[in-house]
Each structure stands twice: as C-alpha cells, then as structure tokens.
Amino acid sequence: MCCLPVPPLTAHYPNLDVPPDLTPAQEDDRYSVPGEDTQTYSQYQKKQKNNPAEAVSAGTQQVLPKTSSLVSIERDGAQRWLVIHESPQVLWPKLRDFWMKEGFTLTLDNPKIGIMETNWNENSANLPQDFVQRMLSKVITNLYSSSLRDRFRTRVEQGKTPGTAEVFITHKGMEEVLSNDASTSVWEARPADPELEDEFIRRLALSLGVQQPLIDKEIKQDKQIALQAKKNNAVVKEQAIGDVLTLNDPFDRAWRSVGLALDRAGFTVQDRDREEGVYYVRYTDTEGVLAKKPGFFDRLAFWRSEDKSKETQTYRVKVVAKGVGAPSEVLVRNELDQPIPKALNQEILKLIKDQLQ
C-alpha cells in the first residue's frame, strides 16, 4: 500500500494558498450536518478504537458479495467508484462528514455542481517515527514537517437508477523540492496516486457500512484484474472541425473517464450537462499556448508563478456520442461553442489525454 496521509504532529503548518484563479465556494447550509461537533483525525481514531462497534456493520453488492442494498462498488478496468442508493442531496452531508473525520477541511463545497475538494493536507507517512523523533516532537512541535501534501476531489453524479448517486474520488499531490543550493524550496506537483484514490474509496465505503472483510476481498481481486486492465485508448485526430480526442468507448464510459481526467488535471469544473455531454471548465494558459515549460500543472495556474495579466477563460469540453456502442469524441470549444485556436485546442486535449486511465 502506498503512503497514506496522516495528521500533522502537534504543529500547525501553514496552509497552501488557494490558487489565484479559484474562489472557494461557500457552503450551502441546506446540507449542513445538524449537531456535529468539529473533530480532529486523531480524536476520530481514538473514538473508533474505543467504540469499534460503531465502525462498520453492513455490506454491499455488485463487485462485493450482496449484503446490503445501500452501497455497491463499481469497476471499469483499474478505475473504481461507489454507487450509493441515496439521492445526491441526502448523501452530500455524509460525504462532508467523512472528509472532516479524515482530518480534512473543505475548500470547495458546491452541491449544485456536485463537487467538493479538500484542503492540502500533510502526508506524514514519510516522516521518521523513531523514539527520538517522537520525544522531540513533544518539546519542539515544528521540528518535523513532511515534504508531501495531498488533496482530494469528490465528484457526485446522479446514478443511472433514480434515487442513486455515483461517487468518484481523485487525488492531487504536491512535493516540496529544494533548490540546487538547498537554501530555498518550492512546491511542485506530483502525479496523481491511483492507490490513494482507491484507499479513500475503501474508507468511504467503510464509513457507509461496507464490512472490512468484503472490501479486502474485493481489493485483492482488483489487483489481479488491474494487471489486465486496458491501456489508455485515447487518440488525438485531426479533422476539418479541428483536432478531436477519440476514445474507443461508448458515451457513458467516455463521459466518466473525461470527468475524472479533468479532475486529475486540476481543471476547475464550473458546471456540467450530461444530457448535452458538456463540461464547463476554466483554464488559464499562463505561459502561452506554444510554451513547453514549465509543466502543465504550472499552466493550470498553480500559484507559485502566477501572472494576473493572463485571463482565465471558460471552455466547453464536449463528449460526443457517435452512435450506440460506438467510439466517442471529445471536442473543446469556447463559451459560445465556437472553435478555439489550434495550439490551445491541442494543449487542452493533451492535458485530458495524459490523465485518462
């Protein structure tokens, strides 16, 4: 199992700034959890240890043996998500409560578009855990700090069956890198970690009532299936209407894959319309459409080298069905549904293609 985020020692580390092109959404009081007190991750762990009977009690169906009609774990190749037999409106406060108990706070909480995103949280799994470190940390609270940070985005969509919801979790990571002379450091993006995504899918399933033995069995099966999972089948093709991204998938699968790719790439999803096959996203080309460096995370306006003179634009990422069971195409258009400059179109399509699994 990969490194997992654990709460900071007793120190308070500075939060990473919100990127300049993002504005944290205001929480909707309609989805607040009545009577829920703030609780740290360590307090939650202690409570679970003292009250193991409260942890999990029910099971699930589909991929897991059927023991409850509430939760099922779906899989497509190496990708997993949850299908919850509750409406998104009923499920939303439970998801908020889940992330709070995991030690995160939410910087994006928008039930209207079905997206919530956590703060950047320290990943302390790589810190020394010897006796000396533990003793010193009690005296010098800021002696140790992890060089890794993680944040997670949860996307909730209406399920295929009325009254159900599909829940997807994607990971983004940052790593503190020292300069050549080790005098300064900068935060740089690191690749999304599919194992961390699976781990939090597992934790969420547990919090919703799936039994631990059933999840462990499913994970073991998944590791074997993942070895045979299909590779990225997306291809960028040039057409008269401009370059398009072709996926050898029907619409349902393509819509899901593109949504996850947008989440992993860090696009700001403002809205979506599944019936029209459109994601409305924001993108800032801070280095120009022909720039090769820095990497795409910098061009998605990570705040280290922000250029406020660059205007953030809204684009329509369209998933087009070519027929029942036929491959799908992904197009990028501006707000008026018009073609965009060729180089910029290629750049955005490449960002999406690179994140497809």
Protein backbone atom coordinates (compact mmCIF):
# COMPACT_ATOMS: atom_id res chain seq x y z
CA MET A 1 0.00 0.00 0.00
CA CYS A 2 1.29 3.45 -0.80
CA CYS A 3 1.94 6.27 1.59
CA LEU A 4 -1.21 7.49 3.32
CA PRO A 5 -1.84 10.93 4.73
CA VAL A 6 -1.86 11.10 8.50
CA PRO A 7 -2.49 14.13 10.68
CA PRO A 8 0.39 16.50 11.46
CA LEU A 9 2.19 16.03 14.75
CA THR A 10 1.09 18.80 17.10
CA ALA A 11 2.46 21.55 14.93
CA HIS A 12 0.36 23.88 12.88
CA TYR A 13 1.71 24.12 9.35
CA PRO A 14 0.80 26.99 7.07
CA ASN A 15 -1.95 26.16 4.61
CA LEU A 16 -1.12 26.36 0.95
CA ASP A 17 -2.72 29.36 -0.66
CA VAL A 18 -5.75 28.93 -2.87
CA PRO A 19 -4.64 29.37 -6.50
CA PRO A 20 -5.44 32.90 -7.72
CA ASP A 21 -7.97 31.75 -10.31
CA LEU A 22 -10.03 29.82 -7.77
CA THR A 23 -12.52 31.13 -5.27
CA PRO A 24 -13.56 28.71 -2.51
CA ALA A 25 -17.28 28.06 -2.75
CA GLN A 26 -19.49 28.99 0.14
CA GLU A 27 -21.02 26.09 1.95
CA ASP A 28 -24.71 25.55 1.47
CA ASP A 29 -26.45 25.48 4.86
CA ARG A 30 -29.09 23.19 3.43
CA TYR A 31 -26.54 20.38 3.55
CA SER A 32 -25.04 21.06 6.98
CA VAL A 33 -24.83 18.23 9.47
CA PRO A 34 -27.02 19.06 12.49
CA GLY A 35 -25.37 18.78 15.89
CA GLU A 36 -22.00 17.67 14.54
CA ASP A 37 -19.02 18.92 16.57
CA THR A 38 -15.65 19.63 14.98
CA GLN A 39 -13.36 16.66 15.46
CA THR A 40 -9.71 16.09 14.62
CA TYR A 41 -8.47 12.99 12.86
CA SER A 42 -6.67 11.80 16.00
CA GLN A 43 -9.84 12.27 18.07
CA TYR A 44 -11.78 10.32 15.49
CA GLN A 45 -9.25 7.48 15.57
CA LYS A 46 -9.44 7.36 19.37
CA LYS A 47 -13.23 7.30 19.27
CA GLN A 48 -13.22 4.43 16.76
CA LYS A 49 -10.74 2.49 18.87
CA ASN A 50 -12.87 2.89 21.99
CA ASN A 51 -16.11 2.14 20.13
CA PRO A 52 -15.32 -0.50 17.49
CA ALA A 53 -18.96 -1.49 17.24
CA GLU A 54 -19.73 1.88 15.67
CA ALA A 55 -17.25 1.41 12.83
CA VAL A 56 -18.99 -0.74 10.23
CA SER A 57 -21.88 -3.15 10.20
CA ALA A 58 -23.34 -3.68 6.75
CA GLY A 59 -22.13 -4.80 3.34
CA THR A 60 -22.69 -4.11 -0.29
CA GLN A 61 -23.49 -5.69 -3.63
CA GLN A 62 -22.28 -5.79 -7.26
CA VAL A 63 -18.47 -6.24 -7.10
CA LEU A 64 -18.75 -7.22 -3.43
CA PRO A 65 -20.99 -10.03 -2.19
CA LYS A 66 -24.52 -8.74 -1.72
CA THR A 67 -25.25 -7.97 1.93
CA SER A 68 -26.94 -4.57 1.68
CA SER A 69 -28.76 -2.53 -0.93
CA LEU A 70 -27.15 0.73 0.20
CA VAL A 71 -23.66 0.67 -1.33
CA SER A 72 -22.03 -1.05 -4.29
CA ILE A 73 -18.50 -0.72 -5.63
CA GLU A 74 -18.33 -0.48 -9.42
CA ARG A 75 -15.26 -1.04 -11.51
CA ASP A 76 -14.18 -0.31 -15.07
CA GLY A 77 -10.68 -1.63 -15.65
CA ALA A 78 -8.48 -0.13 -12.93
CA GLN A 79 -10.97 2.61 -12.07
CA ARG A 80 -13.33 2.20 -9.12
CA TRP A 81 -16.20 4.28 -7.79
CA LEU A 82 -19.15 3.90 -5.45
CA VAL A 83 -22.82 3.68 -6.31
CA ILE A 84 -24.88 4.80 -3.32
CA HIS A 85 -28.57 4.03 -3.12
CA GLU A 86 -29.41 7.51 -1.90
CA SER A 87 -30.00 10.75 -3.73
CA PRO A 88 -27.05 13.17 -4.01
CA GLN A 89 -28.93 15.60 -1.75
CA VAL A 90 -29.21 13.03 1.05
CA LEU A 91 -25.65 11.77 0.54
CA TRP A 92 -23.93 15.17 0.48
CA PRO A 93 -23.73 15.84 4.26
CA LYS A 94 -22.43 12.30 4.81
CA LEU A 95 -19.56 12.98 2.40
CA ARG A 96 -18.79 16.24 4.15
CA ASP A 97 -18.76 14.41 7.49
CA PHE A 98 -16.47 11.72 6.06
CA TRP A 99 -13.77 14.17 4.99
CA MET A 100 -13.97 16.03 8.30
CA LYS A 101 -13.40 12.79 10.20
CA GLU A 102 -10.43 12.02 7.94
CA GLY A 103 -8.79 15.25 9.13
CA PHE A 104 -9.52 17.47 6.13
CA THR A 105 -11.41 20.70 5.71
CA LEU A 106 -13.26 21.59 2.51
CA THR A 107 -12.08 24.46 0.34
CA LEU A 108 -14.71 23.70 -2.30
CA ASP A 109 -18.19 22.64 -1.24
CA ASN A 110 -20.66 23.00 -4.10
CA PRO A 111 -23.63 20.62 -4.07
CA LYS A 112 -25.10 22.42 -7.08
CA ILE A 113 -22.44 21.00 -9.40
CA GLY A 114 -21.69 18.01 -7.17
CA ILE A 115 -18.04 18.75 -6.39
CA MET A 116 -16.22 19.08 -3.09
CA GLU A 117 -12.48 19.46 -2.65
CA THR A 118 -10.31 19.24 0.45
CA ASN A 119 -7.53 21.46 1.66
CA TRP A 120 -3.90 20.48 1.15
CA ASN A 121 -3.11 18.11 3.99
CA GLU A 122 0.27 16.91 5.16
CA ASN A 123 1.28 13.40 4.19
CA SER A 124 3.36 12.34 7.20
CA ALA A 125 3.89 8.73 6.19
CA ASN A 126 7.46 9.56 5.13
CA LEU A 127 8.44 11.16 8.46
CA PRO A 128 10.83 9.36 10.82
CA GLN A 129 8.92 7.56 13.55
CA ASP A 130 11.75 6.53 15.87
CA PHE A 131 11.81 7.09 19.62
CA VAL A 132 13.96 10.24 19.46
CA GLN A 133 11.67 11.89 16.92
CA ARG A 134 8.59 11.12 18.96
CA MET A 135 10.13 12.53 22.14
CA LEU A 136 11.50 15.66 20.47
CA SER A 137 8.21 16.35 18.75
CA LYS A 138 6.59 16.70 22.17
CA VAL A 139 9.00 19.52 23.01
CA ILE A 140 9.65 21.15 19.63
CA THR A 141 6.37 20.96 17.80
CA ASN A 142 7.62 22.30 14.46
CA LEU A 143 10.80 20.25 14.29
CA TYR A 144 9.50 17.93 11.63
CA SER A 145 7.35 18.62 8.61
CA SER A 146 6.55 16.37 5.69
CA SER A 147 7.59 17.42 2.20
CA LEU A 148 4.37 15.99 0.75
CA ARG A 149 0.86 17.41 0.61
CA ASP A 150 -2.32 15.76 -0.66
CA ARG A 151 -5.77 16.98 -1.56
CA PHE A 152 -8.78 15.09 -2.83
CA ARG A 153 -11.70 16.00 -5.04
CA THR A 154 -15.03 14.20 -4.70
CA ARG A 155 -17.45 14.28 -7.61
CA VAL A 156 -21.06 13.20 -7.17
CA GLU A 157 -23.36 12.46 -10.11
CA GLN A 158 -26.88 11.19 -10.44
CA GLY A 159 -26.82 7.42 -10.86
CA LYS A 160 -28.35 5.57 -13.77
CA THR A 161 -31.13 4.40 -11.46
CA PRO A 162 -33.35 7.15 -9.99
CA GLY A 163 -32.57 7.83 -6.35
CA THR A 164 -28.94 6.72 -6.60
CA ALA A 165 -25.65 8.61 -6.72
CA GLU A 166 -22.24 7.78 -8.17
CA VAL A 167 -19.22 8.95 -6.17
CA PHE A 168 -15.72 9.42 -7.63
CA ILE A 169 -12.58 10.41 -5.71
CA THR A 170 -9.47 11.83 -7.39
CA HIS A 171 -6.11 12.77 -5.85
CA LYS A 172 -3.72 15.65 -6.41
CA GLY A 173 -0.30 15.85 -4.78
CA MET A 174 2.39 18.42 -4.16
CA GLU A 175 6.01 17.90 -3.14
CA GLU A 176 8.44 20.37 -1.60
CA VAL A 177 11.64 20.44 -3.66
CA LEU A 178 14.87 22.08 -2.51
CA SER A 179 16.82 24.43 -4.76
CA ASN A 180 20.26 23.43 -6.02
CA ASP A 181 21.99 25.07 -3.06
CA ALA A 182 19.30 23.88 -0.63
CA SER A 183 18.73 27.46 0.51
CA THR A 184 15.12 27.67 -0.65
CA SER A 185 12.34 25.33 -1.61
CA VAL A 186 9.33 25.37 -3.91
CA TRP A 187 6.18 23.26 -4.08
CA GLU A 188 5.82 21.25 -7.26
CA ALA A 189 3.03 18.99 -8.44
CA ARG A 190 3.50 15.25 -8.27
CA PRO A 191 1.43 12.70 -10.22
CA ALA A 192 -1.98 11.58 -9.04
CA ASP A 193 -1.78 8.41 -6.97
CA PRO A 194 -4.41 5.81 -8.02
CA GLU A 195 -3.69 3.75 -4.90
CA LEU A 196 -4.53 6.70 -2.67
CA GLU A 197 -7.75 7.18 -4.63
CA ASP A 198 -8.63 3.52 -4.10
CA GLU A 199 -7.77 3.76 -0.41
CA PHE A 200 -10.19 6.63 0.16
CA ILE A 201 -12.86 4.86 -1.87
CA ARG A 202 -12.32 1.98 0.55
CA ARG A 203 -12.53 4.25 3.60
CA LEU A 204 -15.67 5.91 2.30
CA ALA A 205 -17.28 2.52 1.69
CA LEU A 206 -16.43 1.53 5.26
CA SER A 207 -17.94 4.73 6.62
CA LEU A 208 -21.14 3.98 4.71
CA GLY A 209 -21.46 0.49 6.16
CA VAL A 210 -19.49 -1.94 3.97
CA GLN A 211 -17.80 -4.66 6.01
CA GLN A 212 -13.98 -4.74 6.14
CA PRO A 213 -13.58 -8.42 5.04
CA LEU A 214 -15.68 -7.80 1.94
CA ILE A 215 -13.61 -4.79 0.91
CA ASP A 216 -10.32 -6.65 1.48
CA LYS A 217 -11.55 -9.47 -0.75
CA GLU A 218 -12.59 -7.05 -3.48
CA ILE A 219 -9.25 -5.19 -3.35
CA LYS A 220 -7.36 -8.47 -3.77
CA GLN A 221 -9.46 -9.31 -6.81
CA ASP A 222 -8.93 -5.82 -8.20
CA LYS A 223 -5.16 -6.09 -8.07
CA GLN A 224 -5.34 -9.15 -10.31
CA ILE A 225 -7.81 -7.53 -12.69
CA ALA A 226 -5.84 -4.28 -12.84
CA LEU A 227 -2.90 -6.14 -14.36
CA GLN A 228 -5.14 -6.96 -17.32
CA ALA A 229 -6.85 -3.55 -17.43
CA LYS A 230 -6.93 -1.85 -20.79
CA LYS A 231 -4.40 0.85 -21.51
CA ASN A 232 -5.19 4.41 -22.46
CA ASN A 233 -7.06 4.09 -25.77
CA ALA A 234 -7.41 7.80 -26.50
CA VAL A 235 -6.02 9.19 -29.75
CA VAL A 236 -5.91 12.80 -30.94
CA LYS A 237 -7.06 13.04 -34.55
CA GLU A 238 -7.06 15.98 -36.92
CA GLN A 239 -10.41 16.75 -38.53
CA ALA A 240 -11.89 19.58 -40.56
CA ILE A 241 -13.60 20.95 -37.44
CA GLY A 242 -10.27 20.88 -35.58
CA ASP A 243 -8.41 18.28 -33.56
CA VAL A 244 -10.59 15.89 -31.56
CA LEU A 245 -9.80 13.27 -28.95
CA THR A 246 -11.19 9.87 -29.95
CA LEU A 247 -11.97 7.30 -27.27
CA ASN A 248 -12.82 3.72 -28.12
CA ASP A 249 -15.60 3.85 -25.54
CA PRO A 250 -19.37 4.39 -25.62
CA PHE A 251 -20.73 7.65 -24.25
CA ASP A 252 -21.33 6.53 -20.64
CA ARG A 253 -17.78 5.31 -20.19
CA ALA A 254 -16.26 8.24 -22.08
CA TRP A 255 -18.24 10.77 -20.01
CA ARG A 256 -16.99 9.19 -16.79
CA SER A 257 -13.38 8.96 -17.99
CA VAL A 258 -13.24 12.56 -19.21
CA GLY A 259 -14.73 13.83 -15.95
CA LEU A 260 -12.07 12.02 -13.92
CA ALA A 261 -9.34 13.26 -16.26
CA LEU A 262 -10.49 16.86 -15.77
CA ASP A 263 -10.44 16.36 -12.00
CA ARG A 264 -6.94 14.88 -12.01
CA ALA A 265 -5.57 17.56 -14.34
CA GLY A 266 -6.81 20.26 -11.98
CA PHE A 267 -9.33 21.98 -14.23
CA THR A 268 -11.96 24.00 -12.41
CA VAL A 269 -15.28 22.44 -13.37
CA GLN A 270 -17.89 25.19 -13.17
CA ASP A 271 -20.85 23.16 -14.37
CA ARG A 272 -21.77 20.11 -16.39
CA ASP A 273 -24.67 18.93 -18.52
CA ARG A 274 -24.68 15.19 -19.05
CA GLU A 275 -27.62 15.28 -21.46
CA GLU A 276 -25.67 17.65 -23.72
CA GLY A 277 -22.37 15.91 -22.96
CA VAL A 278 -20.69 19.15 -21.87
CA TYR A 279 -18.30 20.02 -19.04
CA TYR A 280 -17.87 23.76 -18.47
CA VAL A 281 -14.31 24.30 -17.26
CA ARG A 282 -11.91 27.13 -16.50
CA TYR A 283 -8.37 27.08 -17.80
CA THR A 284 -5.55 29.63 -17.59
CA ASP A 285 -2.84 29.44 -20.24
CA THR A 286 -0.31 31.30 -18.10
CA GLU A 287 2.68 30.51 -20.33
CA GLY A 288 1.11 30.83 -23.76
CA VAL A 289 -0.24 28.08 -25.98
CA LEU A 290 3.12 27.31 -27.55
CA ALA A 291 5.08 27.11 -24.29
CA LYS A 292 6.76 23.82 -23.47
CA LYS A 293 7.92 24.54 -19.92
CA PRO A 294 7.10 24.57 -17.08
CA GLY A 295 4.79 21.58 -16.95
CA PHE A 296 1.06 21.55 -17.36
CA PHE A 297 0.43 21.99 -13.64
CA ASP A 298 2.08 25.40 -13.86
CA ARG A 299 -0.11 26.33 -16.82
CA LEU A 300 -3.13 25.38 -14.76
CA ALA A 301 -2.21 28.40 -12.60
CA PHE A 302 -0.51 26.86 -9.61
CA TRP A 303 0.20 29.94 -7.61
CA ARG A 304 3.99 29.80 -7.50
CA SER A 305 4.42 31.82 -10.69
CA GLU A 306 1.06 33.44 -11.17
CA ASP A 307 0.59 36.02 -13.89
CA LYS A 308 -2.53 38.02 -13.21
CA SER A 309 -2.33 39.57 -16.66
CA LYS A 310 -3.38 36.21 -18.10
CA GLU A 311 -7.12 35.92 -18.29
CA THR A 312 -8.82 32.75 -17.20
CA GLN A 313 -11.21 31.53 -19.86
CA THR A 314 -14.20 29.21 -19.71
CA TYR A 315 -14.33 26.37 -22.23
CA ARG A 316 -16.82 23.71 -23.19
CA VAL A 317 -15.37 20.20 -23.16
CA LYS A 318 -17.88 18.19 -25.19
CA VAL A 319 -18.19 14.41 -25.17
CA VAL A 320 -19.94 13.43 -28.40
CA ALA A 321 -21.53 10.02 -28.92
CA LYS A 322 -21.04 8.69 -32.45
CA GLY A 323 -23.72 6.01 -32.11
CA VAL A 324 -24.91 3.27 -29.78
CA GLY A 325 -21.86 1.33 -28.62
CA ALA A 326 -19.63 3.32 -31.00
CA PRO A 327 -16.46 5.27 -30.05
CA SER A 328 -16.87 8.78 -28.65
CA GLU A 329 -15.13 12.05 -29.44
CA VAL A 330 -14.03 14.90 -27.19
CA LEU A 331 -14.11 18.45 -28.54
CA VAL A 332 -13.04 21.72 -26.93
CA ARG A 333 -14.95 24.92 -27.71
CA ASN A 334 -15.19 28.40 -26.23
CA GLU A 335 -18.14 29.72 -24.24
CA LEU A 336 -20.04 30.47 -27.46
CA ASP A 337 -19.49 26.91 -28.70
CA GLN A 338 -17.02 28.12 -31.32
CA PRO A 339 -13.64 26.60 -32.26
CA ILE A 340 -10.61 27.81 -30.30
CA PRO A 341 -7.05 28.40 -31.59
CA LYS A 342 -5.45 25.20 -32.85
CA ALA A 343 -2.46 25.24 -30.48
CA LEU A 344 -4.63 25.86 -27.43
CA ASN A 345 -7.05 23.14 -28.52
CA GLN A 346 -4.17 20.68 -28.82
CA GLU A 347 -2.84 21.71 -25.42
CA ILE A 348 -6.12 21.12 -23.58
CA LEU A 349 -6.75 17.83 -25.36
CA LYS A 350 -3.26 16.68 -24.39
CA LEU A 351 -3.92 17.52 -20.73
CA ILE A 352 -7.07 15.41 -20.82
CA LYS A 353 -5.44 12.54 -22.73
CA ASP A 354 -2.49 12.37 -20.31
CA GLN A 355 -4.85 11.87 -17.36
CA LEU A 356 -7.06 9.19 -18.91
CA GLN A 357 -6.77 5.69 -17.43
